[in-house]
Amino acid sequence: CYFQTYLFKQAVEKLATSDLTPPNIRDAVKGQE
């Protein structure tokens, strides 16, 4: 749970506010470390 929160944060930071949707966040998290 702890590290997934950081992965989620990194994925969200890649997106514009207008693009924050579950499918976009899922795509943005691919390859995140």
PDB file of all heavy atoms in Angstrom:
ATOM      1  N   CYS A   1       0.833  -1.209   0.000  1.00  0.00           N
ATOM      2  CA  CYS A   1       0.000   0.000   0.000  1.00  0.00           C
ATOM      3  C   CYS A   1       0.868   1.260   0.000  1.00  0.00           C
ATOM      4  O   CYS A   1       0.548   2.240  -0.676  1.00  0.00           O
ATOM      5  CB  CYS A   1      -0.918  -0.006   1.220  1.00  0.00           C
ATOM      6  SG  CYS A   1      -2.193  -1.277   1.215  1.00  0.00           S
ATOM      7  N   TYR A   2       1.946   1.200   0.740  1.00  0.00           N
ATOM      8  CA  TYR A   2       2.854   2.348   0.865  1.00  0.00           C
ATOM      9  C   TYR A   2       3.491   2.702  -0.471  1.00  0.00           C
ATOM     10  O   TYR A   2       3.409   3.839  -0.932  1.00  0.00           O
ATOM     11  CB  TYR A   2       3.914   1.993   1.906  1.00  0.00           C
ATOM     12  CG  TYR A   2       4.989   3.020   2.137  1.00  0.00           C
ATOM     13  CD1 TYR A   2       4.741   4.171   2.877  1.00  0.00           C
ATOM     14  CD2 TYR A   2       6.279   2.815   1.653  1.00  0.00           C
ATOM     15  CE1 TYR A   2       5.742   5.106   3.112  1.00  0.00           C
ATOM     16  CE2 TYR A   2       7.294   3.745   1.887  1.00  0.00           C
ATOM     17  CZ  TYR A   2       7.016   4.885   2.615  1.00  0.00           C
ATOM     18  OH  TYR A   2       8.000   5.797   2.848  1.00  0.00           O
ATOM     19  N   PHE A   3       4.107   1.706  -1.133  1.00  0.00           N
ATOM     20  CA  PHE A   3       4.812   2.061  -2.363  1.00  0.00           C
ATOM     21  C   PHE A   3       3.849   2.313  -3.516  1.00  0.00           C
ATOM     22  O   PHE A   3       4.148   3.094  -4.426  1.00  0.00           O
ATOM     23  CB  PHE A   3       5.906   1.048  -2.717  1.00  0.00           C
ATOM     24  CG  PHE A   3       5.469  -0.282  -3.285  1.00  0.00           C
ATOM     25  CD1 PHE A   3       4.879  -0.391  -4.535  1.00  0.00           C
ATOM     26  CD2 PHE A   3       5.710  -1.450  -2.570  1.00  0.00           C
ATOM     27  CE1 PHE A   3       4.513  -1.616  -5.064  1.00  0.00           C
ATOM     28  CE2 PHE A   3       5.358  -2.690  -3.088  1.00  0.00           C
ATOM     29  CZ  PHE A   3       4.748  -2.764  -4.341  1.00  0.00           C
ATOM     30  N   GLN A   4       2.671   1.703  -3.488  1.00  0.00           N
ATOM     31  CA  GLN A   4       1.703   1.952  -4.550  1.00  0.00           C
ATOM     32  C   GLN A   4       1.204   3.395  -4.518  1.00  0.00           C
ATOM     33  O   GLN A   4       0.862   3.963  -5.564  1.00  0.00           O
ATOM     34  CB  GLN A   4       0.544   0.976  -4.437  1.00  0.00           C
ATOM     35  CG  GLN A   4       0.901  -0.440  -4.878  1.00  0.00           C
ATOM     36  CD  GLN A   4      -0.208  -1.430  -4.624  1.00  0.00           C
ATOM     37  OE1 GLN A   4      -1.386  -1.092  -4.697  1.00  0.00           O
ATOM     38  NE2 GLN A   4       0.168  -2.659  -4.313  1.00  0.00           N
ATOM     39  N   THR A   5       1.158   3.985  -3.341  1.00  0.00           N
ATOM     40  CA  THR A   5       0.757   5.391  -3.234  1.00  0.00           C
ATOM     41  C   THR A   5       1.742   6.280  -3.994  1.00  0.00           C
ATOM     42  O   THR A   5       1.344   7.216  -4.701  1.00  0.00           O
ATOM     43  CB  THR A   5       0.680   5.820  -1.759  1.00  0.00           C
ATOM     44  OG1 THR A   5      -0.268   4.996  -1.078  1.00  0.00           O
ATOM     45  CG2 THR A   5       0.271   7.281  -1.638  1.00  0.00           C
ATOM     46  N   TYR A   6       3.029   5.966  -3.891  1.00  0.00           N
ATOM     47  CA  TYR A   6       4.039   6.743  -4.601  1.00  0.00           C
ATOM     48  C   TYR A   6       3.975   6.498  -6.104  1.00  0.00           C
ATOM     49  O   TYR A   6       4.170   7.431  -6.906  1.00  0.00           O
ATOM     50  CB  TYR A   6       5.431   6.416  -4.059  1.00  0.00           C
ATOM     51  CG  TYR A   6       5.700   7.047  -2.719  1.00  0.00           C
ATOM     52  CD1 TYR A   6       5.479   6.341  -1.539  1.00  0.00           C
ATOM     53  CD2 TYR A   6       6.145   8.365  -2.622  1.00  0.00           C
ATOM     54  CE1 TYR A   6       5.710   6.921  -0.303  1.00  0.00           C
ATOM     55  CE2 TYR A   6       6.383   8.953  -1.394  1.00  0.00           C
ATOM     56  CZ  TYR A   6       6.155   8.229  -0.235  1.00  0.00           C
ATOM     57  OH  TYR A   6       6.365   8.823   0.985  1.00  0.00           O
ATOM     58  N   LEU A   7       3.701   5.257  -6.513  1.00  0.00           N
ATOM     59  CA  LEU A   7       3.546   4.981  -7.941  1.00  0.00           C
ATOM     60  C   LEU A   7       2.346   5.733  -8.512  1.00  0.00           C
ATOM     61  O   LEU A   7       2.398   6.271  -9.617  1.00  0.00           O
ATOM     62  CB  LEU A   7       3.390   3.472  -8.164  1.00  0.00           C
ATOM     63  CG  LEU A   7       4.639   2.630  -7.895  1.00  0.00           C
ATOM     64  CD1 LEU A   7       4.283   1.149  -7.923  1.00  0.00           C
ATOM     65  CD2 LEU A   7       5.732   2.934  -8.909  1.00  0.00           C
ATOM     66  N   PHE A   8       1.272   5.765  -7.752  1.00  0.00           N
ATOM     67  CA  PHE A   8       0.077   6.510  -8.162  1.00  0.00           C
ATOM     68  C   PHE A   8       0.415   8.001  -8.308  1.00  0.00           C
ATOM     69  O   PHE A   8       0.035   8.650  -9.299  1.00  0.00           O
ATOM     70  CB  PHE A   8      -1.037   6.306  -7.138  1.00  0.00           C
ATOM     71  CG  PHE A   8      -2.269   7.115  -7.389  1.00  0.00           C
ATOM     72  CD1 PHE A   8      -3.230   6.698  -8.300  1.00  0.00           C
ATOM     73  CD2 PHE A   8      -2.479   8.316  -6.720  1.00  0.00           C
ATOM     74  CE1 PHE A   8      -4.371   7.446  -8.536  1.00  0.00           C
ATOM     75  CE2 PHE A   8      -3.619   9.068  -6.948  1.00  0.00           C
ATOM     76  CZ  PHE A   8      -4.569   8.636  -7.859  1.00  0.00           C
ATOM     77  N   LYS A   9       1.140   8.530  -7.334  1.00  0.00           N
ATOM     78  CA  LYS A   9       1.535   9.940  -7.359  1.00  0.00           C
ATOM     79  C   LYS A   9       2.352  10.250  -8.612  1.00  0.00           C
ATOM     80  O   LYS A   9       2.121  11.259  -9.299  1.00  0.00           O
ATOM     81  CB  LYS A   9       2.336  10.269  -6.101  1.00  0.00           C
ATOM     82  CG  LYS A   9       2.941  11.673  -6.059  1.00  0.00           C
ATOM     83  CD  LYS A   9       3.680  11.887  -4.736  1.00  0.00           C
ATOM     84  CE  LYS A   9       4.305  13.265  -4.666  1.00  0.00           C
ATOM     85  NZ  LYS A   9       5.463  13.392  -5.577  1.00  0.00           N
ATOM     86  N   GLN A  10       3.308   9.381  -8.935  1.00  0.00           N
ATOM     87  CA  GLN A  10       4.145   9.606 -10.104  1.00  0.00           C
ATOM     88  C   GLN A  10       3.333   9.560 -11.400  1.00  0.00           C
ATOM     89  O   GLN A  10       3.572  10.344 -12.324  1.00  0.00           O
ATOM     90  CB  GLN A  10       5.267   8.562 -10.150  1.00  0.00           C
ATOM     91  CG  GLN A  10       6.303   8.749  -9.062  1.00  0.00           C
ATOM     92  CD  GLN A  10       7.343   7.651  -9.003  1.00  0.00           C
ATOM     93  OE1 GLN A  10       8.121   7.568  -8.051  1.00  0.00           O
ATOM     94  NE2 GLN A  10       7.390   6.784 -10.004  1.00  0.00           N
ATOM     95  N   ALA A  11       2.378   8.652 -11.443  1.00  0.00           N
ATOM     96  CA  ALA A  11       1.533   8.549 -12.636  1.00  0.00           C
ATOM     97  C   ALA A  11       0.678   9.799 -12.806  1.00  0.00           C
ATOM     98  O   ALA A  11       0.560  10.345 -13.906  1.00  0.00           O
ATOM     99  CB  ALA A  11       0.656   7.307 -12.543  1.00  0.00           C
ATOM    100  N   VAL A  12       0.088  10.269 -11.718  1.00  0.00           N
ATOM    101  CA  VAL A  12      -0.765  11.460 -11.765  1.00  0.00           C
ATOM    102  C   VAL A  12       0.033  12.685 -12.184  1.00  0.00           C
ATOM    103  O   VAL A  12      -0.453  13.534 -12.949  1.00  0.00           O
ATOM    104  CB  VAL A  12      -1.442  11.682 -10.399  1.00  0.00           C
ATOM    105  CG1 VAL A  12      -2.100  13.067 -10.325  1.00  0.00           C
ATOM    106  CG2 VAL A  12      -2.488  10.598 -10.137  1.00  0.00           C
ATOM    107  N   GLU A  13       1.261  12.785 -11.712  1.00  0.00           N
ATOM    108  CA  GLU A  13       2.090  13.951 -12.026  1.00  0.00           C
ATOM    109  C   GLU A  13       2.471  14.012 -13.503  1.00  0.00           C
ATOM    110  O   GLU A  13       2.876  15.077 -13.990  1.00  0.00           O
ATOM    111  CB  GLU A  13       3.346  13.935 -11.153  1.00  0.00           C
ATOM    112  CG  GLU A  13       3.065  14.264  -9.694  1.00  0.00           C
ATOM    113  CD  GLU A  13       4.284  14.134  -8.809  1.00  0.00           C
ATOM    114  OE1 GLU A  13       5.260  13.472  -9.230  1.00  0.00           O
ATOM    115  OE2 GLU A  13       4.266  14.689  -7.688  1.00  0.00           O
ATOM    116  N   LYS A  14       2.340  12.915 -14.214  1.00  0.00           N
ATOM    117  CA  LYS A  14       2.629  12.911 -15.648  1.00  0.00           C
ATOM    118  C   LYS A  14       1.480  13.505 -16.470  1.00  0.00           C
ATOM    119  O   LYS A  14       1.666  13.820 -17.648  1.00  0.00           O
ATOM    120  CB  LYS A  14       2.876  11.476 -16.133  1.00  0.00           C
ATOM    121  CG  LYS A  14       4.148  10.844 -15.625  1.00  0.00           C
ATOM    122  CD  LYS A  14       4.269   9.410 -16.101  1.00  0.00           C
ATOM    123  CE  LYS A  14       4.323   9.307 -17.605  1.00  0.00           C
ATOM    124  NZ  LYS A  14       4.480   7.895 -18.068  1.00  0.00           N
ATOM    125  N   LEU A  15       0.315  13.651 -15.849  1.00  0.00           N
ATOM    126  CA  LEU A  15      -0.888  14.028 -16.581  1.00  0.00           C
ATOM    127  C   LEU A  15      -1.313  15.458 -16.286  1.00  0.00           C
ATOM    128  O   LEU A  15      -1.086  15.970 -15.179  1.00  0.00           O
ATOM    129  CB  LEU A  15      -2.035  13.079 -16.228  1.00  0.00           C
ATOM    130  CG  LEU A  15      -1.794  11.585 -16.527  1.00  0.00           C
ATOM    131  CD1 LEU A  15      -2.907  10.745 -15.910  1.00  0.00           C
ATOM    132  CD2 LEU A  15      -1.711  11.347 -18.026  1.00  0.00           C
ATOM    133  N   ALA A  16      -1.964  16.065 -17.240  1.00  0.00           N
ATOM    134  CA  ALA A  16      -2.619  17.356 -17.009  1.00  0.00           C
ATOM    135  C   ALA A  16      -3.878  17.126 -16.182  1.00  0.00           C
ATOM    136  O   ALA A  16      -4.468  16.036 -16.217  1.00  0.00           O
ATOM    137  CB  ALA A  16      -2.977  18.009 -18.337  1.00  0.00           C
ATOM    138  N   THR A  17      -4.290  18.146 -15.466  1.00  0.00           N
ATOM    139  CA  THR A  17      -5.475  18.013 -14.616  1.00  0.00           C
ATOM    140  C   THR A  17      -6.683  17.557 -15.424  1.00  0.00           C
ATOM    141  O   THR A  17      -7.486  16.730 -14.967  1.00  0.00           O
ATOM    142  CB  THR A  17      -5.782  19.356 -13.936  1.00  0.00           C
ATOM    143  OG1 THR A  17      -4.648  19.766 -13.165  1.00  0.00           O
ATOM    144  CG2 THR A  17      -6.993  19.235 -13.018  1.00  0.00           C
ATOM    145  N   SER A  18      -6.806  18.051 -16.632  1.00  0.00           N
ATOM    146  CA  SER A  18      -7.945  17.692 -17.479  1.00  0.00           C
ATOM    147  C   SER A  18      -7.909  16.236 -17.939  1.00  0.00           C
ATOM    148  O   SER A  18      -8.910  15.709 -18.426  1.00  0.00           O
ATOM    149  CB  SER A  18      -7.997  18.610 -18.704  1.00  0.00           C
ATOM    150  OG  SER A  18      -6.785  18.520 -19.452  1.00  0.00           O
ATOM    151  N   ASP A  19      -6.764  15.585 -17.795  1.00  0.00           N
ATOM    152  CA  ASP A  19      -6.609  14.199 -18.255  1.00  0.00           C
ATOM    153  C   ASP A  19      -6.684  13.182 -17.131  1.00  0.00           C
ATOM    154  O   ASP A  19      -6.429  11.983 -17.350  1.00  0.00           O
ATOM    155  CB  ASP A  19      -5.261  14.035 -18.974  1.00  0.00           C
ATOM    156  CG  ASP A  19      -5.201  14.818 -20.273  1.00  0.00           C
ATOM    157  OD1 ASP A  19      -6.269  15.020 -20.885  1.00  0.00           O
ATOM    158  OD2 ASP A  19      -4.088  15.236 -20.665  1.00  0.00           O
ATOM    159  N   LEU A  20      -7.035  13.628 -15.924  1.00  0.00           N
ATOM    160  CA  LEU A  20      -7.041  12.712 -14.777  1.00  0.00           C
ATOM    161  C   LEU A  20      -8.288  11.827 -14.786  1.00  0.00           C
ATOM    162  O   LEU A  20      -9.305  12.133 -14.158  1.00  0.00           O
ATOM    163  CB  LEU A  20      -6.953  13.509 -13.468  1.00  0.00           C
ATOM    164  CG  LEU A  20      -5.611  14.179 -13.196  1.00  0.00           C
ATOM    165  CD1 LEU A  20      -5.674  15.003 -11.924  1.00  0.00           C
ATOM    166  CD2 LEU A  20      -4.498  13.146 -13.129  1.00  0.00           C
ATOM    167  N   THR A  21      -8.187  10.740 -15.514  1.00  0.00           N
ATOM    168  CA  THR A  21      -9.240   9.730 -15.539  1.00  0.00           C
ATOM    169  C   THR A  21      -8.617   8.384 -15.187  1.00  0.00           C
ATOM    170  O   THR A  21      -7.397   8.185 -15.378  1.00  0.00           O
ATOM    171  CB  THR A  21      -9.893   9.624 -16.923  1.00  0.00           C
ATOM    172  OG1 THR A  21      -8.909   9.138 -17.858  1.00  0.00           O
ATOM    173  CG2 THR A  21     -10.426  10.978 -17.381  1.00  0.00           C
ATOM    174  N   PRO A  22      -9.389   7.436 -14.655  1.00  0.00           N
ATOM    175  CA  PRO A  22      -8.818   6.117 -14.312  1.00  0.00           C
ATOM    176  C   PRO A  22      -8.067   5.444 -15.459  1.00  0.00           C
ATOM    177  O   PRO A  22      -6.944   4.951 -15.246  1.00  0.00           O
ATOM    178  CB  PRO A  22     -10.052   5.316 -13.865  1.00  0.00           C
ATOM    179  CG  PRO A  22     -10.960   6.354 -13.280  1.00  0.00           C
ATOM    180  CD  PRO A  22     -10.783   7.550 -14.172  1.00  0.00           C
ATOM    181  N   PRO A  23      -8.600   5.422 -16.699  1.00  0.00           N
ATOM    182  CA  PRO A  23      -7.831   4.786 -17.784  1.00  0.00           C
ATOM    183  C   PRO A  23      -6.502   5.485 -18.057  1.00  0.00           C
ATOM    184  O   PRO A  23      -5.489   4.826 -18.322  1.00  0.00           O
ATOM    185  CB  PRO A  23      -8.776   4.894 -18.987  1.00  0.00           C
ATOM    186  CG  PRO A  23     -10.147   4.985 -18.391  1.00  0.00           C
ATOM    187  CD  PRO A  23      -9.956   5.799 -17.148  1.00  0.00           C
ATOM    188  N   ASN A  24      -6.502   6.822 -17.982  1.00  0.00           N
ATOM    189  CA  ASN A  24      -5.261   7.556 -18.247  1.00  0.00           C
ATOM    190  C   ASN A  24      -4.225   7.330 -17.142  1.00  0.00           C
ATOM    191  O   ASN A  24      -3.022   7.220 -17.410  1.00  0.00           O
ATOM    192  CB  ASN A  24      -5.544   9.050 -18.393  1.00  0.00           C
ATOM    193  CG  ASN A  24      -6.234   9.382 -19.703  1.00  0.00           C
ATOM    194  OD1 ASN A  24      -6.240   8.582 -20.634  1.00  0.00           O
ATOM    195  ND2 ASN A  24      -6.822  10.565 -19.777  1.00  0.00           N
ATOM    196  N   ILE A  25      -4.695   7.277 -15.910  1.00  0.00           N
ATOM    197  CA  ILE A  25      -3.776   7.017 -14.792  1.00  0.00           C
ATOM    198  C   ILE A  25      -3.208   5.607 -14.913  1.00  0.00           C
ATOM    199  O   ILE A  25      -2.011   5.387 -14.695  1.00  0.00           O
ATOM    200  CB  ILE A  25      -4.499   7.205 -13.441  1.00  0.00           C
ATOM    201  CG1 ILE A  25      -4.900   8.674 -13.254  1.00  0.00           C
ATOM    202  CG2 ILE A  25      -3.609   6.754 -12.283  1.00  0.00           C
ATOM    203  CD1 ILE A  25      -5.791   8.922 -12.059  1.00  0.00           C
ATOM    204  N   ARG A  26      -4.044   4.659 -15.296  1.00  0.00           N
ATOM    205  CA  ARG A  26      -3.579   3.285 -15.486  1.00  0.00           C
ATOM    206  C   ARG A  26      -2.486   3.233 -16.559  1.00  0.00           C
ATOM    207  O   ARG A  26      -1.464   2.570 -16.393  1.00  0.00           O
ATOM    208  CB  ARG A  26      -4.738   2.384 -15.881  1.00  0.00           C
ATOM    209  CG  ARG A  26      -4.348   0.906 -16.079  1.00  0.00           C
ATOM    210  CD  ARG A  26      -5.472   0.149 -16.718  1.00  0.00           C
ATOM    211  NE  ARG A  26      -5.780   0.693 -18.035  1.00  0.00           N
ATOM    212  CZ  ARG A  26      -6.920   0.471 -18.682  1.00  0.00           C
ATOM    213  NH1 ARG A  26      -7.875  -0.254 -18.126  1.00  0.00           N
ATOM    214  NH2 ARG A  26      -7.115   0.996 -19.884  1.00  0.00           N
ATOM    215  N   ASP A  27      -2.696   3.955 -17.650  1.00  0.00           N
ATOM    216  CA  ASP A  27      -1.686   3.966 -18.707  1.00  0.00           C
ATOM    217  C   ASP A  27      -0.407   4.673 -18.255  1.00  0.00           C
ATOM    218  O   ASP A  27       0.706   4.263 -18.602  1.00  0.00           O
ATOM    219  CB  ASP A  27      -2.242   4.654 -19.957  1.00  0.00           C
ATOM    220  CG  ASP A  27      -3.278   3.805 -20.674  1.00  0.00           C
ATOM    221  OD1 ASP A  27      -3.292   2.571 -20.456  1.00  0.00           O
ATOM    222  OD2 ASP A  27      -4.082   4.372 -21.443  1.00  0.00           O
ATOM    223  N   ALA A  28      -0.562   5.738 -17.478  1.00  0.00           N
ATOM    224  CA  ALA A  28       0.593   6.517 -17.035  1.00  0.00           C
ATOM    225  C   ALA A  28       1.457   5.769 -16.029  1.00  0.00           C
ATOM    226  O   ALA A  28       2.657   6.068 -15.894  1.00  0.00           O
ATOM    227  CB  ALA A  28       0.132   7.851 -16.438  1.00  0.00           C
ATOM    228  N   VAL A  29       0.871   4.813 -15.321  1.00  0.00           N
ATOM    229  CA  VAL A  29       1.646   4.094 -14.307  1.00  0.00           C
ATOM    230  C   VAL A  29       2.516   3.001 -14.925  1.00  0.00           C
ATOM    231  O   VAL A  29       3.430   2.482 -14.276  1.00  0.00           O
ATOM    232  CB  VAL A  29       0.710   3.497 -13.229  1.00  0.00           C
ATOM    233  CG1 VAL A  29       0.106   2.157 -13.685  1.00  0.00           C
ATOM    234  CG2 VAL A  29       1.434   3.309 -11.890  1.00  0.00           C
ATOM    235  N   LYS A  30       2.286   2.665 -16.185  1.00  0.00           N
ATOM    236  CA  LYS A  30       3.085   1.621 -16.843  1.00  0.00           C
ATOM    237  C   LYS A  30       4.559   2.015 -16.859  1.00  0.00           C
ATOM    238  O   LYS A  30       4.924   3.112 -17.285  1.00  0.00           O
ATOM    239  CB  LYS A  30       2.599   1.409 -18.282  1.00  0.00           C
ATOM    240  CG  LYS A  30       1.204   0.837 -18.395  1.00  0.00           C
ATOM    241  CD  LYS A  30       0.769   0.750 -19.860  1.00  0.00           C
ATOM    242  CE  LYS A  30      -0.641   0.229 -20.002  1.00  0.00           C
ATOM    243  NZ  LYS A  30      -1.087   0.210 -21.421  1.00  0.00           N
ATOM    244  N   GLY A  31       5.394   1.120 -16.378  1.00  0.00           N
ATOM    245  CA  GLY A  31       6.827   1.374 -16.364  1.00  0.00           C
ATOM    246  C   GLY A  31       7.316   2.245 -15.223  1.00  0.00           C
ATOM    247  O   GLY A  31       8.523   2.463 -15.097  1.00  0.00           O
ATOM    248  N   GLN A  32       6.424   2.729 -14.381  1.00  0.00           N
ATOM    249  CA  GLN A  32       6.841   3.564 -13.255  1.00  0.00           C
ATOM    250  C   GLN A  32       7.655   2.738 -12.254  1.00  0.00           C
ATOM    251  O   GLN A  32       7.358   1.573 -11.987  1.00  0.00           O
ATOM    252  CB  GLN A  32       5.634   4.172 -12.555  1.00  0.00           C
ATOM    253  CG  GLN A  32       4.941   5.269 -13.336  1.00  0.00           C
ATOM    254  CD  GLN A  32       5.831   6.484 -13.527  1.00  0.00           C
ATOM    255  OE1 GLN A  32       6.460   6.963 -12.597  1.00  0.00           O
ATOM    256  NE2 GLN A  32       5.890   6.978 -14.761  1.00  0.00           N
ATOM    257  N   GLU A  33       8.680   3.356 -11.693  1.00  0.00           N
ATOM    258  CA  GLU A  33       9.551   2.713 -10.725  1.00  0.00           C
ATOM    259  C   GLU A  33       9.648   3.556  -9.462  1.00  0.00           C
ATOM    260  O   GLU A  33       9.499   4.780  -9.509  1.00  0.00           O
ATOM    261  CB  GLU A  33      10.959   2.522 -11.298  1.00  0.00           C
ATOM    262  CG  GLU A  33      11.024   1.647 -12.537  1.00  0.00           C
ATOM    263  CD  GLU A  33      12.438   1.509 -13.079  1.00  0.00           C
ATOM    264  OE1 GLU A  33      13.367   2.100 -12.464  1.00  0.00           O
ATOM    265  OE2 GLU A  33      12.630   0.823 -14.094  1.00  0.00           O
TER     266      GLU A  33
END
